[in-house]
Amino acid sequence: MESVRLLTLLSCLLLCLTISCSDKSTDPNKPPPDNIPDNTVDAELLVDKLTVSVVPGGVEIVTVTATDENGLVEACTVESSNESVVTITQNDNVFMITGHDYGSAVVTVTSASNLTREIPVQIYNPAILDCGELIITYTNAYLWRWHDVGSGADNDGGYWHPVPPEGYHALVPLGCLIGVIQMARGL
């Protein structure tokens, strides 16, 4: 019997704490708190690419989603900061960036709600690797420097010095076994 009374007392205490800790208001004249979101929608302008890099003649497709403050789809315009480097062909919410010459440009997308997004575009040479302060390029021109053909060694080898484009410097010569080159050429 004692345990039933104790259990009833604890239940009443718990109920009182629950009621007193509730933050629900039953006053119909009280305005809603500020932290409850309203159902309004802000205008949006979204692009599916943050940056674009292509080679001259290369193409990249970008899709735009533009909506007004009612959530309805709206039109947008697109322009290039440098049309000698990049041109744009637009079809509704999809546009095609075409690279023409090495360099960079900025493509600006503007919605009817006057929101803008800028997309940096780089037109690059695939034979050049830009590492910040170090720029690396490739070459397919070499000058013969030395070989040991006729030395009596089991495997003849040789060295060729790369001829870099103007403004670049060769880092190391190319060394190779002569027999490997002859096999590759079918000699």
Protein backbone atom coordinates (compact mmCIF):
# COMPACT_ATOMS: atom_id res chain seq x y z
CA MET A 1 0.00 0.00 0.00
CA GLU A 2 2.82 2.28 0.87
CA SER A 3 4.40 1.67 -2.56
CA VAL A 4 1.12 2.57 -4.33
CA ARG A 5 0.98 5.90 -2.48
CA LEU A 6 4.62 6.62 -3.28
CA LEU A 7 4.08 5.78 -6.95
CA THR A 8 0.98 8.02 -7.10
CA LEU A 9 2.90 10.88 -5.46
CA LEU A 10 5.77 10.52 -7.91
CA SER A 11 3.35 10.46 -10.87
CA CYS A 12 1.66 13.66 -9.65
CA LEU A 13 5.03 15.36 -9.18
CA LEU A 14 6.12 14.37 -12.66
CA LEU A 15 2.85 15.64 -14.16
CA CYS A 16 3.24 18.99 -12.39
CA LEU A 17 6.81 19.37 -13.62
CA THR A 18 5.75 18.57 -17.16
CA ILE A 19 2.94 21.12 -17.13
CA SER A 20 5.06 23.84 -15.54
CA CYS A 21 7.93 23.30 -18.02
CA SER A 22 5.82 23.45 -21.13
CA ASP A 23 6.57 26.37 -23.48
CA LYS A 24 3.30 26.00 -25.37
CA SER A 25 1.00 28.97 -25.07
CA THR A 26 -2.74 28.59 -25.21
CA ASP A 27 -3.32 32.35 -25.56
CA PRO A 28 -4.84 32.79 -29.07
CA ASN A 29 -4.04 36.55 -29.06
CA LYS A 30 -0.31 36.05 -28.50
CA PRO A 31 1.72 36.48 -31.74
CA PRO A 32 3.94 33.58 -32.85
CA PRO A 33 7.60 33.75 -31.82
CA ASP A 34 10.14 35.23 -34.26
CA ASN A 35 12.03 31.97 -34.75
CA ILE A 36 9.17 30.21 -36.55
CA PRO A 37 9.90 30.39 -40.29
CA ASP A 38 7.33 31.92 -42.56
CA ASN A 39 6.47 30.31 -45.86
CA THR A 40 8.09 32.94 -48.09
CA VAL A 41 10.71 31.93 -50.65
CA ASP A 42 13.70 34.02 -51.65
CA ALA A 43 14.68 34.39 -55.29
CA GLU A 44 17.51 31.99 -56.23
CA LEU A 45 20.15 31.71 -58.94
CA LEU A 46 22.03 28.42 -59.04
CA VAL A 47 24.66 27.25 -61.55
CA ASP A 48 25.96 23.69 -61.78
CA LYS A 49 29.62 24.71 -62.36
CA LEU A 50 31.70 26.97 -60.11
CA THR A 51 34.63 27.18 -62.55
CA VAL A 52 35.22 26.06 -66.13
CA SER A 53 38.47 25.02 -67.81
CA VAL A 54 38.62 24.03 -71.48
CA VAL A 55 41.13 23.89 -74.32
CA PRO A 56 40.74 26.09 -77.41
CA GLY A 57 37.79 24.65 -79.36
CA GLY A 58 36.57 22.87 -76.23
CA VAL A 59 33.01 23.16 -74.97
CA GLU A 60 31.51 23.01 -71.47
CA ILE A 61 27.76 22.89 -70.78
CA VAL A 62 26.42 24.86 -67.77
CA THR A 63 22.88 24.53 -66.41
CA VAL A 64 21.23 27.45 -64.59
CA THR A 65 18.27 27.36 -62.23
CA ALA A 66 16.74 30.79 -61.65
CA THR A 67 13.58 31.29 -59.56
CA ASP A 68 11.79 34.42 -58.35
CA GLU A 69 10.53 35.19 -54.82
CA ASN A 70 7.43 33.07 -55.52
CA GLY A 71 9.50 30.05 -56.48
CA LEU A 72 8.60 30.37 -60.17
CA VAL A 73 11.21 29.73 -62.85
CA GLU A 74 12.51 32.90 -64.46
CA ALA A 75 14.75 33.82 -67.37
CA CYS A 76 18.39 34.74 -67.12
CA THR A 77 21.04 36.35 -69.32
CA VAL A 78 24.64 35.29 -69.80
CA GLU A 79 27.64 37.30 -70.98
CA SER A 80 31.39 36.85 -71.38
CA SER A 81 33.95 39.39 -70.19
CA ASN A 82 36.24 38.52 -73.12
CA GLU A 83 34.63 37.15 -76.29
CA SER A 84 38.00 36.64 -78.00
CA VAL A 85 38.69 33.97 -75.35
CA VAL A 86 35.18 32.62 -74.60
CA THR A 87 31.83 32.80 -76.39
CA ILE A 88 28.48 31.67 -75.07
CA THR A 89 25.51 30.05 -76.76
CA GLN A 90 22.37 30.06 -74.63
CA ASN A 91 19.26 27.89 -74.91
CA ASP A 92 16.79 28.63 -72.09
CA ASN A 93 18.46 27.62 -68.82
CA VAL A 94 21.38 25.78 -70.47
CA PHE A 95 24.35 27.52 -72.02
CA MET A 96 27.44 26.33 -73.81
CA ILE A 97 30.84 27.90 -73.12
CA THR A 98 33.24 27.58 -76.08
CA GLY A 99 36.94 28.31 -75.67
CA HIS A 100 38.64 30.14 -78.54
CA ASP A 101 42.06 31.39 -77.42
CA TYR A 102 44.37 30.86 -74.44
CA GLY A 103 43.53 33.12 -71.53
CA SER A 104 40.81 33.70 -69.00
CA ALA A 105 37.42 35.34 -68.83
CA VAL A 106 34.50 35.65 -66.48
CA VAL A 107 31.04 34.48 -67.50
CA THR A 108 28.33 36.46 -65.68
CA VAL A 109 24.86 34.97 -65.27
CA THR A 110 22.10 37.45 -64.29
CA SER A 111 18.55 36.43 -63.37
CA ALA A 112 15.40 38.50 -64.00
CA SER A 113 15.41 39.13 -60.21
CA ASN A 114 18.82 40.79 -60.72
CA LEU A 115 20.81 38.09 -58.92
CA THR A 116 24.23 37.39 -60.45
CA ARG A 117 26.75 34.56 -60.44
CA GLU A 118 30.25 34.83 -61.89
CA ILE A 119 31.94 31.75 -63.33
CA PRO A 120 35.71 32.06 -63.92
CA VAL A 121 36.73 30.41 -67.21
CA GLN A 122 40.28 29.36 -68.12
CA ILE A 123 41.26 28.37 -71.67
CA TYR A 124 44.47 26.38 -71.30
CA ASN A 125 47.11 24.59 -73.32
CA PRO A 126 47.05 20.87 -72.41
CA ALA A 127 50.80 20.64 -73.10
CA ILE A 128 51.52 23.13 -70.29
CA LEU A 129 51.20 22.32 -66.60
CA ASP A 130 50.92 25.50 -64.51
CA CYS A 131 52.05 24.81 -60.93
CA GLY A 132 52.05 28.42 -59.73
CA GLU A 133 55.69 29.54 -59.74
CA LEU A 134 56.74 26.56 -61.87
CA ILE A 135 55.36 26.08 -65.37
CA ILE A 136 56.11 22.74 -67.05
CA THR A 137 55.69 22.01 -70.74
CA TYR A 138 56.33 18.98 -72.91
CA THR A 139 58.44 18.68 -76.00
CA ASN A 140 58.91 16.14 -78.76
CA ALA A 141 62.13 17.69 -80.12
CA TYR A 142 65.48 16.24 -78.95
CA LEU A 143 69.14 16.67 -79.88
CA TRP A 144 71.35 13.59 -79.83
CA ARG A 145 74.21 14.03 -77.30
CA TRP A 146 76.00 10.70 -76.94
CA HIS A 147 75.71 6.96 -77.41
CA ASP A 148 78.00 4.02 -76.77
CA VAL A 149 77.29 2.03 -79.93
CA GLY A 150 80.37 -0.06 -80.74
CA SER A 151 81.74 0.13 -77.19
CA GLY A 152 81.43 -3.61 -76.73
CA ALA A 153 78.81 -3.33 -73.98
CA ASP A 154 75.97 -5.84 -74.03
CA ASN A 155 73.37 -3.07 -74.11
CA ASP A 156 74.06 0.12 -76.01
CA GLY A 157 72.56 3.32 -74.67
CA GLY A 158 72.36 6.97 -75.52
CA TYR A 159 71.36 10.41 -74.31
CA TRP A 160 69.21 13.04 -75.98
CA HIS A 161 68.81 16.61 -74.78
CA PRO A 162 65.25 18.01 -74.95
CA VAL A 163 64.74 21.16 -77.03
CA PRO A 164 62.20 23.21 -75.04
CA PRO A 165 59.93 25.88 -76.51
CA GLU A 166 61.13 29.49 -76.30
CA GLY A 167 61.09 30.79 -72.72
CA TYR A 168 61.48 27.32 -71.15
CA HIS A 169 64.55 25.41 -69.95
CA ALA A 170 65.30 21.69 -70.19
CA LEU A 171 65.61 20.03 -66.81
CA VAL A 172 67.31 16.71 -67.62
CA PRO A 173 68.42 14.78 -70.70
CA LEU A 174 66.62 11.65 -71.82
CA GLY A 175 68.64 8.45 -71.52
CA CYS A 176 67.59 5.22 -73.15
CA LEU A 177 68.91 1.85 -74.24
CA ILE A 178 69.51 1.93 -78.00
CA GLY A 179 68.19 -1.63 -78.37
CA VAL A 180 64.87 -0.56 -76.88
CA ILE A 181 64.52 2.25 -79.44
CA GLN A 182 65.44 -0.06 -82.32
CA MET A 183 62.85 -2.62 -81.14
CA ALA A 184 60.21 0.12 -80.86
CA ARG A 185 60.94 1.29 -84.40
CA GLY A 186 61.01 -2.27 -85.73
CA LEU A 187 64.68 -2.09 -86.74
